[in-house]
């Protein structure tokens, strides 16, 4: 491996480590307002939704394929199914959809 690749890997490690370390170092032992805690607790879900939602419509040429899978996943999640059950159920529904249409 060349030295430039090693330097790139070290640089990427530093760039990844700093944003994770800074909040821990700056806010250690301090409490945040409850509103800010609630907002920060929901950020991962908001980002995940923003990443997944557009792909629902672009997964295949048939727009109903993605919509059907999303509806199946939402129904399973709403009734309280485990994450694995939601994923496998959505895959099963989309497999049936592929066979039928």
PDB file of N, CA and C in Angstrom:
ATOM      1  N   UNK A   1       0.843  -1.172   0.000  1.00  0.00           N
ATOM      2  CA  UNK A   1       0.000   0.000   0.000  1.00  0.00           C
ATOM      3  C   UNK A   1       0.889   1.236   0.000  1.00  0.00           C
ATOM      4  N   UNK A   2       0.555   2.186  -0.817  1.00  0.00           N
ATOM      5  CA  UNK A   2       1.393   3.379  -0.893  1.00  0.00           C
ATOM      6  C   UNK A   2       1.133   4.302   0.296  1.00  0.00           C
ATOM      7  N   UNK A   3       2.076   5.193   0.533  1.00  0.00           N
ATOM      8  CA  UNK A   3       1.970   6.090   1.692  1.00  0.00           C
ATOM      9  C   UNK A   3       0.811   7.072   1.540  1.00  0.00           C
ATOM     10  N   UNK A   4       0.440   7.415   0.319  1.00  0.00           N
ATOM     11  CA  UNK A   4      -0.688   8.343   0.141  1.00  0.00           C
ATOM     12  C   UNK A   4      -2.007   7.696   0.559  1.00  0.00           C
ATOM     13  N   UNK A   5      -2.152   6.404   0.302  1.00  0.00           N
ATOM     14  CA  UNK A   5      -3.368   5.706   0.712  1.00  0.00           C
ATOM     15  C   UNK A   5      -3.431   5.608   2.235  1.00  0.00           C
ATOM     16  N   UNK A   6      -2.303   5.338   2.856  1.00  0.00           N
ATOM     17  CA  UNK A   6      -2.263   5.266   4.320  1.00  0.00           C
ATOM     18  C   UNK A   6      -2.599   6.622   4.922  1.00  0.00           C
ATOM     19  N   UNK A   7      -2.080   7.689   4.356  1.00  0.00           N
ATOM     20  CA  UNK A   7      -2.396   9.038   4.851  1.00  0.00           C
ATOM     21  C   UNK A   7      -3.879   9.365   4.657  1.00  0.00           C
ATOM     22  N   UNK A   8      -4.453   8.934   3.558  1.00  0.00           N
ATOM     23  CA  UNK A   8      -5.885   9.158   3.328  1.00  0.00           C
ATOM     24  C   UNK A   8      -6.714   8.412   4.369  1.00  0.00           C
ATOM     25  N   UNK A   9      -6.339   7.165   4.663  1.00  0.00           N
ATOM     26  CA  UNK A   9      -7.065   6.379   5.661  1.00  0.00           C
ATOM     27  C   UNK A   9      -6.939   7.028   7.041  1.00  0.00           C
ATOM     28  N   UNK A  10      -5.759   7.485   7.408  1.00  0.00           N
ATOM     29  CA  UNK A  10      -5.572   8.157   8.698  1.00  0.00           C
ATOM     30  C   UNK A  10      -6.387   9.447   8.748  1.00  0.00           C
ATOM     31  N   UNK A  11      -6.378  10.205   7.662  1.00  0.00           N
ATOM     32  CA  UNK A  11      -7.164  11.444   7.600  1.00  0.00           C
ATOM     33  C   UNK A  11      -8.653  11.185   7.734  1.00  0.00           C
ATOM     34  N   UNK A  12      -9.149  10.151   7.054  1.00  0.00           N
ATOM     35  CA  UNK A  12     -10.573   9.821   7.165  1.00  0.00           C
ATOM     36  C   UNK A  12     -10.919   9.383   8.584  1.00  0.00           C
ATOM     37  N   UNK A  13     -10.009   8.671   9.238  1.00  0.00           N
ATOM     38  CA  UNK A  13     -10.237   8.270  10.627  1.00  0.00           C
ATOM     39  C   UNK A  13     -10.331   9.478  11.548  1.00  0.00           C
ATOM     40  N   UNK A  14      -9.456  10.443  11.356  1.00  0.00           N
ATOM     41  CA  UNK A  14      -9.483  11.656  12.178  1.00  0.00           C
ATOM     42  C   UNK A  14     -10.760  12.444  11.925  1.00  0.00           C
ATOM     43  N   UNK A  15     -11.126  12.599  10.665  1.00  0.00           N
ATOM     44  CA  UNK A  15     -12.337  13.348  10.318  1.00  0.00           C
ATOM     45  C   UNK A  15     -13.584  12.659  10.864  1.00  0.00           C
ATOM     46  N   UNK A  16     -13.569  11.343  10.953  1.00  0.00           N
ATOM     47  CA  UNK A  16     -14.702  10.611  11.501  1.00  0.00           C
ATOM     48  C   UNK A  16     -14.706  10.678  13.033  1.00  0.00           C
ATOM     49  N   UNK A  17     -13.546  10.669  13.635  1.00  0.00           N
ATOM     50  CA  UNK A  17     -13.447  10.636  15.094  1.00  0.00           C
ATOM     51  C   UNK A  17     -13.814  11.981  15.728  1.00  0.00           C
ATOM     52  N   UNK A  18     -13.386  13.077  15.142  1.00  0.00           N
ATOM     53  CA  UNK A  18     -13.585  14.403  15.750  1.00  0.00           C
ATOM     54  C   UNK A  18     -15.054  14.724  15.991  1.00  0.00           C
ATOM     55  N   UNK A  19     -15.970  14.565  15.015  1.00  0.00           N
ATOM     56  CA  UNK A  19     -17.374  14.900  15.311  1.00  0.00           C
ATOM     57  C   UNK A  19     -18.004  13.991  16.360  1.00  0.00           C
ATOM     58  N   UNK A  20     -17.461  12.826  16.571  1.00  0.00           N
ATOM     59  CA  UNK A  20     -18.002  11.930  17.603  1.00  0.00           C
ATOM     60  C   UNK A  20     -17.409  12.239  18.971  1.00  0.00           C
ATOM     61  N   UNK A  21     -16.181  12.691  18.995  1.00  0.00           N
ATOM     62  CA  UNK A  21     -15.499  12.957  20.249  1.00  0.00           C
ATOM     63  C   UNK A  21     -15.863  14.320  20.824  1.00  0.00           C
ATOM     64  N   UNK A  22     -16.019  15.333  19.995  1.00  0.00           N
ATOM     65  CA  UNK A  22     -16.262  16.690  20.484  1.00  0.00           C
ATOM     66  C   UNK A  22     -17.514  16.808  21.352  1.00  0.00           C
ATOM     67  N   UNK A  23     -18.673  16.320  20.918  1.00  0.00           N
ATOM     68  CA  UNK A  23     -19.844  16.445  21.804  1.00  0.00           C
ATOM     69  C   UNK A  23     -19.642  15.727  23.136  1.00  0.00           C
ATOM     70  N   UNK A  24     -18.972  14.589  23.112  1.00  0.00           N
ATOM     71  CA  UNK A  24     -18.722  13.857  24.345  1.00  0.00           C
ATOM     72  C   UNK A  24     -17.827  14.673  25.273  1.00  0.00           C
ATOM     73  N   UNK A  25     -16.798  15.294  24.721  1.00  0.00           N
ATOM     74  CA  UNK A  25     -15.870  16.076  25.537  1.00  0.00           C
ATOM     75  C   UNK A  25     -16.502  17.388  26.007  1.00  0.00           C
ATOM     76  N   UNK A  26     -17.279  18.030  25.151  1.00  0.00           N
ATOM     77  CA  UNK A  26     -17.840  19.337  25.497  1.00  0.00           C
ATOM     78  C   UNK A  26     -19.029  19.241  26.447  1.00  0.00           C
ATOM     79  N   UNK A  27     -19.848  18.200  26.300  1.00  0.00           N
ATOM     80  CA  UNK A  27     -21.070  18.110  27.085  1.00  0.00           C
ATOM     81  C   UNK A  27     -20.995  17.081  28.205  1.00  0.00           C
ATOM     82  N   UNK A  28     -19.811  16.581  28.493  1.00  0.00           N
ATOM     83  CA  UNK A  28     -19.666  15.583  29.549  1.00  0.00           C
ATOM     84  C   UNK A  28     -20.011  16.198  30.901  1.00  0.00           C
ATOM     85  N   UNK A  29     -20.962  15.600  31.592  1.00  0.00           N
ATOM     86  CA  UNK A  29     -21.359  16.079  32.909  1.00  0.00           C
ATOM     87  C   UNK A  29     -22.333  17.236  32.894  1.00  0.00           C
ATOM     88  N   UNK A  30     -22.710  17.722  31.737  1.00  0.00           N
ATOM     89  CA  UNK A  30     -23.658  18.838  31.631  1.00  0.00           C
ATOM     90  C   UNK A  30     -25.001  18.301  31.160  1.00  0.00           C
ATOM     91  N   UNK A  31     -26.049  18.932  31.610  1.00  0.00           N
ATOM     92  CA  UNK A  31     -27.377  18.516  31.150  1.00  0.00           C
ATOM     93  C   UNK A  31     -27.895  19.509  30.120  1.00  0.00           C
ATOM     94  N   UNK A  32     -28.647  18.989  29.177  1.00  0.00           N
ATOM     95  CA  UNK A  32     -29.232  19.818  28.133  1.00  0.00           C
ATOM     96  C   UNK A  32     -30.697  20.050  28.458  1.00  0.00           C
ATOM     97  N   UNK A  33     -31.276  21.106  27.888  1.00  0.00           N
ATOM     98  CA  UNK A  33     -32.710  21.311  28.076  1.00  0.00           C
ATOM     99  C   UNK A  33     -33.496  20.130  27.501  1.00  0.00           C
ATOM    100  N   UNK A  34     -34.616  19.789  28.138  1.00  0.00           N
ATOM    101  CA  UNK A  34     -35.398  18.636  27.671  1.00  0.00           C
ATOM    102  C   UNK A  34     -35.822  18.740  26.208  1.00  0.00           C
ATOM    103  N   UNK A  35     -36.141  19.953  25.738  1.00  0.00           N
ATOM    104  CA  UNK A  35     -36.547  20.115  24.341  1.00  0.00           C
ATOM    105  C   UNK A  35     -35.414  19.716  23.406  1.00  0.00           C
ATOM    106  N   UNK A  36     -34.203  20.179  23.709  1.00  0.00           N
ATOM    107  CA  UNK A  36     -33.048  19.860  22.862  1.00  0.00           C
ATOM    108  C   UNK A  36     -32.729  18.372  22.912  1.00  0.00           C
ATOM    109  N   UNK A  37     -32.870  17.759  24.085  1.00  0.00           N
ATOM    110  CA  UNK A  37     -32.672  16.315  24.192  1.00  0.00           C
ATOM    111  C   UNK A  37     -33.665  15.558  23.322  1.00  0.00           C
ATOM    112  N   UNK A  38     -34.917  16.002  23.336  1.00  0.00           N
ATOM    113  CA  UNK A  38     -35.941  15.352  22.506  1.00  0.00           C
ATOM    114  C   UNK A  38     -35.642  15.489  21.028  1.00  0.00           C
ATOM    115  N   UNK A  39     -35.196  16.672  20.627  1.00  0.00           N
ATOM    116  CA  UNK A  39     -34.867  16.891  19.213  1.00  0.00           C
ATOM    117  C   UNK A  39     -33.698  16.001  18.807  1.00  0.00           C
ATOM    118  N   UNK A  40     -32.651  15.977  19.603  1.00  0.00           N
ATOM    119  CA  UNK A  40     -31.470  15.181  19.266  1.00  0.00           C
ATOM    120  C   UNK A  40     -31.759  13.684  19.305  1.00  0.00           C
ATOM    121  N   UNK A  41     -32.688  13.270  20.140  1.00  0.00           N
ATOM    122  CA  UNK A  41     -33.046  11.860  20.204  1.00  0.00           C
ATOM    123  C   UNK A  41     -33.747  11.414  18.918  1.00  0.00           C
ATOM    124  N   UNK A  42     -34.432  12.339  18.248  1.00  0.00           N
ATOM    125  CA  UNK A  42     -35.180  11.983  17.041  1.00  0.00           C
ATOM    126  C   UNK A  42     -34.419  12.229  15.742  1.00  0.00           C
ATOM    127  N   UNK A  43     -33.244  12.793  15.815  1.00  0.00           N
ATOM    128  CA  UNK A  43     -32.464  13.080  14.605  1.00  0.00           C
ATOM    129  C   UNK A  43     -32.166  11.816  13.791  1.00  0.00           C
ATOM    130  N   UNK A  44     -31.730  10.701  14.395  1.00  0.00           N
ATOM    131  CA  UNK A  44     -31.449   9.514  13.568  1.00  0.00           C
ATOM    132  C   UNK A  44     -32.666   9.034  12.783  1.00  0.00           C
ATOM    133  N   UNK A  45     -33.851   9.098  13.385  1.00  0.00           N
ATOM    134  CA  UNK A  45     -35.056   8.660  12.684  1.00  0.00           C
ATOM    135  C   UNK A  45     -35.396   9.604  11.538  1.00  0.00           C
ATOM    136  N   UNK A  46     -35.190  10.885  11.761  1.00  0.00           N
ATOM    137  CA  UNK A  46     -35.470  11.864  10.698  1.00  0.00           C
ATOM    138  C   UNK A  46     -34.513  11.669   9.520  1.00  0.00           C
ATOM    139  N   UNK A  47     -33.255  11.432   9.814  1.00  0.00           N
ATOM    140  CA  UNK A  47     -32.277  11.216   8.740  1.00  0.00           C
ATOM    141  C   UNK A  47     -32.583   9.928   7.992  1.00  0.00           C
ATOM    142  N   UNK A  48     -32.917   8.879   8.726  1.00  0.00           N
ATOM    143  CA  UNK A  48     -33.255   7.617   8.082  1.00  0.00           C
ATOM    144  C   UNK A  48     -34.468   7.774   7.171  1.00  0.00           C
ATOM    145  N   UNK A  49     -35.473   8.490   7.644  1.00  0.00           N
ATOM    146  CA  UNK A  49     -36.657   8.743   6.814  1.00  0.00           C
ATOM    147  C   UNK A  49     -36.319   9.557   5.571  1.00  0.00           C
ATOM    148  N   UNK A  50     -35.464  10.552   5.735  1.00  0.00           N
ATOM    149  CA  UNK A  50     -35.080  11.374   4.586  1.00  0.00           C
ATOM    150  C   UNK A  50     -34.279  10.582   3.561  1.00  0.00           C
ATOM    151  N   UNK A  51     -33.535   9.596   4.004  1.00  0.00           N
ATOM    152  CA  UNK A  51     -32.774   8.771   3.071  1.00  0.00           C
ATOM    153  C   UNK A  51     -33.640   7.727   2.383  1.00  0.00           C
ATOM    154  N   UNK A  52     -34.596   7.163   3.109  1.00  0.00           N
ATOM    155  CA  UNK A  52     -35.397   6.072   2.567  1.00  0.00           C
ATOM    156  C   UNK A  52     -36.557   6.571   1.710  1.00  0.00           C
ATOM    157  N   UNK A  53     -37.244   7.605   2.146  1.00  0.00           N
ATOM    158  CA  UNK A  53     -38.492   8.023   1.492  1.00  0.00           C
ATOM    159  C   UNK A  53     -38.349   8.266  -0.016  1.00  0.00           C
ATOM    160  N   UNK A  54     -37.360   9.030  -0.485  1.00  0.00           N
ATOM    161  CA  UNK A  54     -37.268   9.241  -1.945  1.00  0.00           C
ATOM    162  C   UNK A  54     -37.022   7.952  -2.724  1.00  0.00           C
ATOM    163  N   UNK A  55     -36.286   7.015  -2.125  1.00  0.00           N
ATOM    164  CA  UNK A  55     -35.975   5.764  -2.827  1.00  0.00           C
ATOM    165  C   UNK A  55     -37.191   4.866  -2.969  1.00  0.00           C
ATOM    166  N   UNK A  56     -38.216   5.090  -2.164  1.00  0.00           N
ATOM    167  CA  UNK A  56     -39.442   4.305  -2.298  1.00  0.00           C
ATOM    168  C   UNK A  56     -40.013   4.477  -3.701  1.00  0.00           C
ATOM    169  N   UNK A  57     -39.950   5.671  -4.216  1.00  0.00           N
ATOM    170  CA  UNK A  57     -40.533   5.962  -5.525  1.00  0.00           C
ATOM    171  C   UNK A  57     -39.602   5.644  -6.685  1.00  0.00           C
ATOM    172  N   UNK A  58     -38.329   5.434  -6.398  1.00  0.00           N
ATOM    173  CA  UNK A  58     -37.348   5.236  -7.470  1.00  0.00           C
ATOM    174  C   UNK A  58     -36.756   3.830  -7.501  1.00  0.00           C
ATOM    175  N   UNK A  59     -37.284   2.909  -6.698  1.00  0.00           N
ATOM    176  CA  UNK A  59     -36.684   1.586  -6.590  1.00  0.00           C
ATOM    177  C   UNK A  59     -36.802   0.789  -7.890  1.00  0.00           C
ATOM    178  N   UNK A  60     -37.903   0.957  -8.597  1.00  0.00           N
ATOM    179  CA  UNK A  60     -38.108   0.308  -9.887  1.00  0.00           C
ATOM    180  C   UNK A  60     -38.871   1.263 -10.792  1.00  0.00           C
ATOM    181  N   UNK A  61     -39.033   0.845 -12.050  1.00  0.00           N
ATOM    182  CA  UNK A  61     -39.822   1.670 -12.966  1.00  0.00           C
ATOM    183  C   UNK A  61     -41.281   1.724 -12.528  1.00  0.00           C
ATOM    184  N   UNK A  62     -41.764   0.641 -11.933  1.00  0.00           N
ATOM    185  CA  UNK A  62     -43.127   0.595 -11.427  1.00  0.00           C
ATOM    186  C   UNK A  62     -43.169   1.262 -10.060  1.00  0.00           C
ATOM    187  N   UNK A  63     -43.771   2.436  -9.982  1.00  0.00           N
ATOM    188  CA  UNK A  63     -43.806   3.205  -8.741  1.00  0.00           C
ATOM    189  C   UNK A  63     -44.576   2.476  -7.642  1.00  0.00           C
ATOM    190  N   UNK A  64     -45.530   1.636  -8.023  1.00  0.00           N
ATOM    191  CA  UNK A  64     -46.344   0.923  -7.034  1.00  0.00           C
ATOM    192  C   UNK A  64     -45.566  -0.158  -6.312  1.00  0.00           C
ATOM    193  N   UNK A  65     -44.465  -0.597  -6.876  1.00  0.00           N
ATOM    194  CA  UNK A  65     -43.621  -1.595  -6.211  1.00  0.00           C
ATOM    195  C   UNK A  65     -43.097  -1.038  -4.882  1.00  0.00           C
ATOM    196  N   UNK A  66     -42.504   0.130  -4.920  1.00  0.00           N
ATOM    197  CA  UNK A  66     -41.974   0.754  -3.706  1.00  0.00           C
ATOM    198  C   UNK A  66     -43.069   1.157  -2.734  1.00  0.00           C
ATOM    199  N   UNK A  67     -44.166   1.674  -3.276  1.00  0.00           N
ATOM    200  CA  UNK A  67     -45.269   2.091  -2.410  1.00  0.00           C
ATOM    201  C   UNK A  67     -45.862   0.886  -1.688  1.00  0.00           C
ATOM    202  N   UNK A  68     -46.006  -0.233  -2.390  1.00  0.00           N
ATOM    203  CA  UNK A  68     -46.540  -1.451  -1.771  1.00  0.00           C
ATOM    204  C   UNK A  68     -45.636  -1.938  -0.649  1.00  0.00           C
ATOM    205  N   UNK A  69     -44.338  -1.952  -0.885  1.00  0.00           N
ATOM    206  CA  UNK A  69     -43.394  -2.366   0.153  1.00  0.00           C
ATOM    207  C   UNK A  69     -43.418  -1.443   1.357  1.00  0.00           C
ATOM    208  N   UNK A  70     -43.510  -0.142   1.106  1.00  0.00           N
ATOM    209  CA  UNK A  70     -43.553   0.826   2.204  1.00  0.00           C
ATOM    210  C   UNK A  70     -44.829   0.674   3.023  1.00  0.00           C
ATOM    211  N   UNK A  71     -45.951   0.470   2.351  1.00  0.00           N
ATOM    212  CA  UNK A  71     -47.220   0.290   3.065  1.00  0.00           C
ATOM    213  C   UNK A  71     -47.177  -0.974   3.918  1.00  0.00           C
ATOM    214  N   UNK A  72     -46.645  -2.055   3.366  1.00  0.00           N
ATOM    215  CA  UNK A  72     -46.521  -3.299   4.135  1.00  0.00           C
ATOM    216  C   UNK A  72     -45.643  -3.085   5.365  1.00  0.00           C
ATOM    217  N   UNK A  73     -44.518  -2.401   5.193  1.00  0.00           N
ATOM    218  CA  UNK A  73     -43.618  -2.145   6.316  1.00  0.00           C
ATOM    219  C   UNK A  73     -44.281  -1.255   7.362  1.00  0.00           C
ATOM    220  N   UNK A  74     -45.000  -0.230   6.910  1.00  0.00           N
ATOM    221  CA  UNK A  74     -45.676   0.661   7.854  1.00  0.00           C
ATOM    222  C   UNK A  74     -46.751  -0.062   8.650  1.00  0.00           C
ATOM    223  N   UNK A  75     -47.506  -0.911   7.999  1.00  0.00           N
ATOM    224  CA  UNK A  75     -48.560  -1.658   8.702  1.00  0.00           C
ATOM    225  C   UNK A  75     -47.942  -2.592   9.740  1.00  0.00           C
ATOM    226  N   UNK A  76     -46.908  -3.311   9.336  1.00  0.00           N
ATOM    227  CA  UNK A  76     -46.263  -4.228  10.278  1.00  0.00           C
ATOM    228  C   UNK A  76     -45.630  -3.479  11.449  1.00  0.00           C
ATOM    229  N   UNK A  77     -45.010  -2.350  11.177  1.00  0.00           N
ATOM    230  CA  UNK A  77     -44.406  -1.560  12.250  1.00  0.00           C
ATOM    231  C   UNK A  77     -45.477  -0.965  13.157  1.00  0.00           C
ATOM    232  N   UNK A  78     -46.590  -0.553  12.580  1.00  0.00           N
ATOM    233  CA  UNK A  78     -47.667   0.060  13.360  1.00  0.00           C
ATOM    234  C   UNK A  78     -48.293  -0.933  14.334  1.00  0.00           C
ATOM    235  N   UNK A  79     -48.396  -2.197  13.921  1.00  0.00           N
ATOM    236  CA  UNK A  79     -48.986  -3.181  14.823  1.00  0.00           C
ATOM    237  C   UNK A  79     -47.978  -3.681  15.857  1.00  0.00           C
ATOM    238  N   UNK A  80     -46.735  -3.202  15.770  1.00  0.00           N
ATOM    239  CA  UNK A  80     -45.746  -3.496  16.797  1.00  0.00           C
ATOM    240  C   UNK A  80     -44.837  -4.662  16.510  1.00  0.00           C
ATOM    241  N   UNK A  81     -44.700  -5.035  15.258  1.00  0.00           N
ATOM    242  CA  UNK A  81     -43.822  -6.156  14.906  1.00  0.00           C
ATOM    243  C   UNK A  81     -42.358  -5.769  15.110  1.00  0.00           C
ATOM    244  N   UNK A  82     -41.554  -6.762  15.345  1.00  0.00           N
ATOM    245  CA  UNK A  82     -40.117  -6.591  15.487  1.00  0.00           C
ATOM    246  C   UNK A  82     -39.533  -6.087  14.153  1.00  0.00           C
ATOM    247  N   UNK A  83     -38.378  -5.446  14.194  1.00  0.00           N
ATOM    248  CA  UNK A  83     -37.760  -4.894  12.985  1.00  0.00           C
ATOM    249  C   UNK A  83     -37.511  -5.988  11.953  1.00  0.00           C
ATOM    250  N   UNK A  84     -37.036  -7.141  12.386  1.00  0.00           N
ATOM    251  CA  UNK A  84     -36.774  -8.246  11.453  1.00  0.00           C
ATOM    252  C   UNK A  84     -38.061  -8.690  10.793  1.00  0.00           C
ATOM    253  N   UNK A  85     -39.143  -8.747  11.555  1.00  0.00           N
ATOM    254  CA  UNK A  85     -40.436  -9.145  10.998  1.00  0.00           C
ATOM    255  C   UNK A  85     -40.913  -8.106   9.980  1.00  0.00           C
ATOM    256  N   UNK A  86     -40.685  -6.841  10.271  1.00  0.00           N
ATOM    257  CA  UNK A  86     -41.068  -5.786   9.336  1.00  0.00           C
ATOM    258  C   UNK A  86     -40.299  -5.930   8.021  1.00  0.00           C
ATOM    259  N   UNK A  87     -39.003  -6.133   8.115  1.00  0.00           N
ATOM    260  CA  UNK A  87     -38.177  -6.266   6.908  1.00  0.00           C
ATOM    261  C   UNK A  87     -38.565  -7.512   6.121  1.00  0.00           C
ATOM    262  N   UNK A  88     -38.652  -8.643   6.816  1.00  0.00           N
ATOM    263  CA  UNK A  88     -38.993  -9.890   6.116  1.00  0.00           C
ATOM    264  C   UNK A  88     -40.420  -9.851   5.569  1.00  0.00           C
ATOM    265  N   UNK A  89     -41.343  -9.237   6.295  1.00  0.00           N
ATOM    266  CA  UNK A  89     -42.715  -9.109   5.798  1.00  0.00           C
ATOM    267  C   UNK A  89     -42.790  -8.253   4.548  1.00  0.00           C
ATOM    268  N   UNK A  90     -42.055  -7.158   4.552  1.00  0.00           N
ATOM    269  CA  UNK A  90     -42.021  -6.296   3.376  1.00  0.00           C
ATOM    270  C   UNK A  90     -41.396  -7.016   2.183  1.00  0.00           C
ATOM    271  N   UNK A  91     -40.334  -7.773   2.426  1.00  0.00           N
ATOM    272  CA  UNK A  91     -39.712  -8.557   1.357  1.00  0.00           C
ATOM    273  C   UNK A  91     -40.698  -9.590   0.824  1.00  0.00           C
ATOM    274  N   UNK A  92     -41.429 -10.235   1.719  1.00  0.00           N
ATOM    275  CA  UNK A  92     -42.427 -11.227   1.305  1.00  0.00           C
ATOM    276  C   UNK A  92     -43.528 -10.615   0.462  1.00  0.00           C
ATOM    277  N   UNK A  93     -44.027  -9.464   0.891  1.00  0.00           N
ATOM    278  CA  UNK A  93     -45.078  -8.787   0.120  1.00  0.00           C
ATOM    279  C   UNK A  93     -44.562  -8.394  -1.256  1.00  0.00           C
ATOM    280  N   UNK A  94     -43.330  -7.895  -1.309  1.00  0.00           N
ATOM    281  CA  UNK A  94     -42.770  -7.494  -2.605  1.00  0.00           C
ATOM    282  C   UNK A  94     -42.470  -8.700  -3.488  1.00  0.00           C
ATOM    283  N   UNK A  95     -42.148  -9.828  -2.885  1.00  0.00           N
ATOM    284  CA  UNK A  95     -41.962 -11.053  -3.671  1.00  0.00           C
ATOM    285  C   UNK A  95     -43.282 -11.483  -4.300  1.00  0.00           C
ATOM    286  N   UNK A  96     -44.344 -11.440  -3.517  1.00  0.00           N
ATOM    287  CA  UNK A  96     -45.666 -11.753  -4.072  1.00  0.00           C
ATOM    288  C   UNK A  96     -46.075 -10.753  -5.157  1.00  0.00           C
ATOM    289  N   UNK A  97     -45.789  -9.493  -4.921  1.00  0.00           N
ATOM    290  CA  UNK A  97     -46.100  -8.460  -5.903  1.00  0.00           C
ATOM    291  C   UNK A  97     -45.372  -8.737  -7.221  1.00  0.00           C
ATOM    292  N   UNK A  98     -44.105  -9.133  -7.114  1.00  0.00           N
ATOM    293  CA  UNK A  98     -43.314  -9.425  -8.317  1.00  0.00           C
ATOM    294  C   UNK A  98     -43.880 -10.619  -9.085  1.00  0.00           C
ATOM    295  N   UNK A  99     -44.361 -11.614  -8.348  1.00  0.00           N
ATOM    296  CA  UNK A  99     -44.945 -12.789  -9.003  1.00  0.00           C
ATOM    297  C   UNK A  99     -46.280 -12.475  -9.672  1.00  0.00           C
ATOM    298  N   UNK A 100     -47.062 -11.637  -9.025  1.00  0.00           N
ATOM    299  CA  UNK A 100     -48.407 -11.343  -9.532  1.00  0.00           C
ATOM    300  C   UNK A 100     -48.422 -10.296 -10.648  1.00  0.00           C
ATOM    301  N   UNK A 101     -47.523  -9.352 -10.564  1.00  0.00           N
ATOM    302  CA  UNK A 101     -47.532  -8.265 -11.552  1.00  0.00           C
ATOM    303  C   UNK A 101     -46.270  -8.324 -12.340  1.00  0.00           C
TER     304      UNK A 101
END
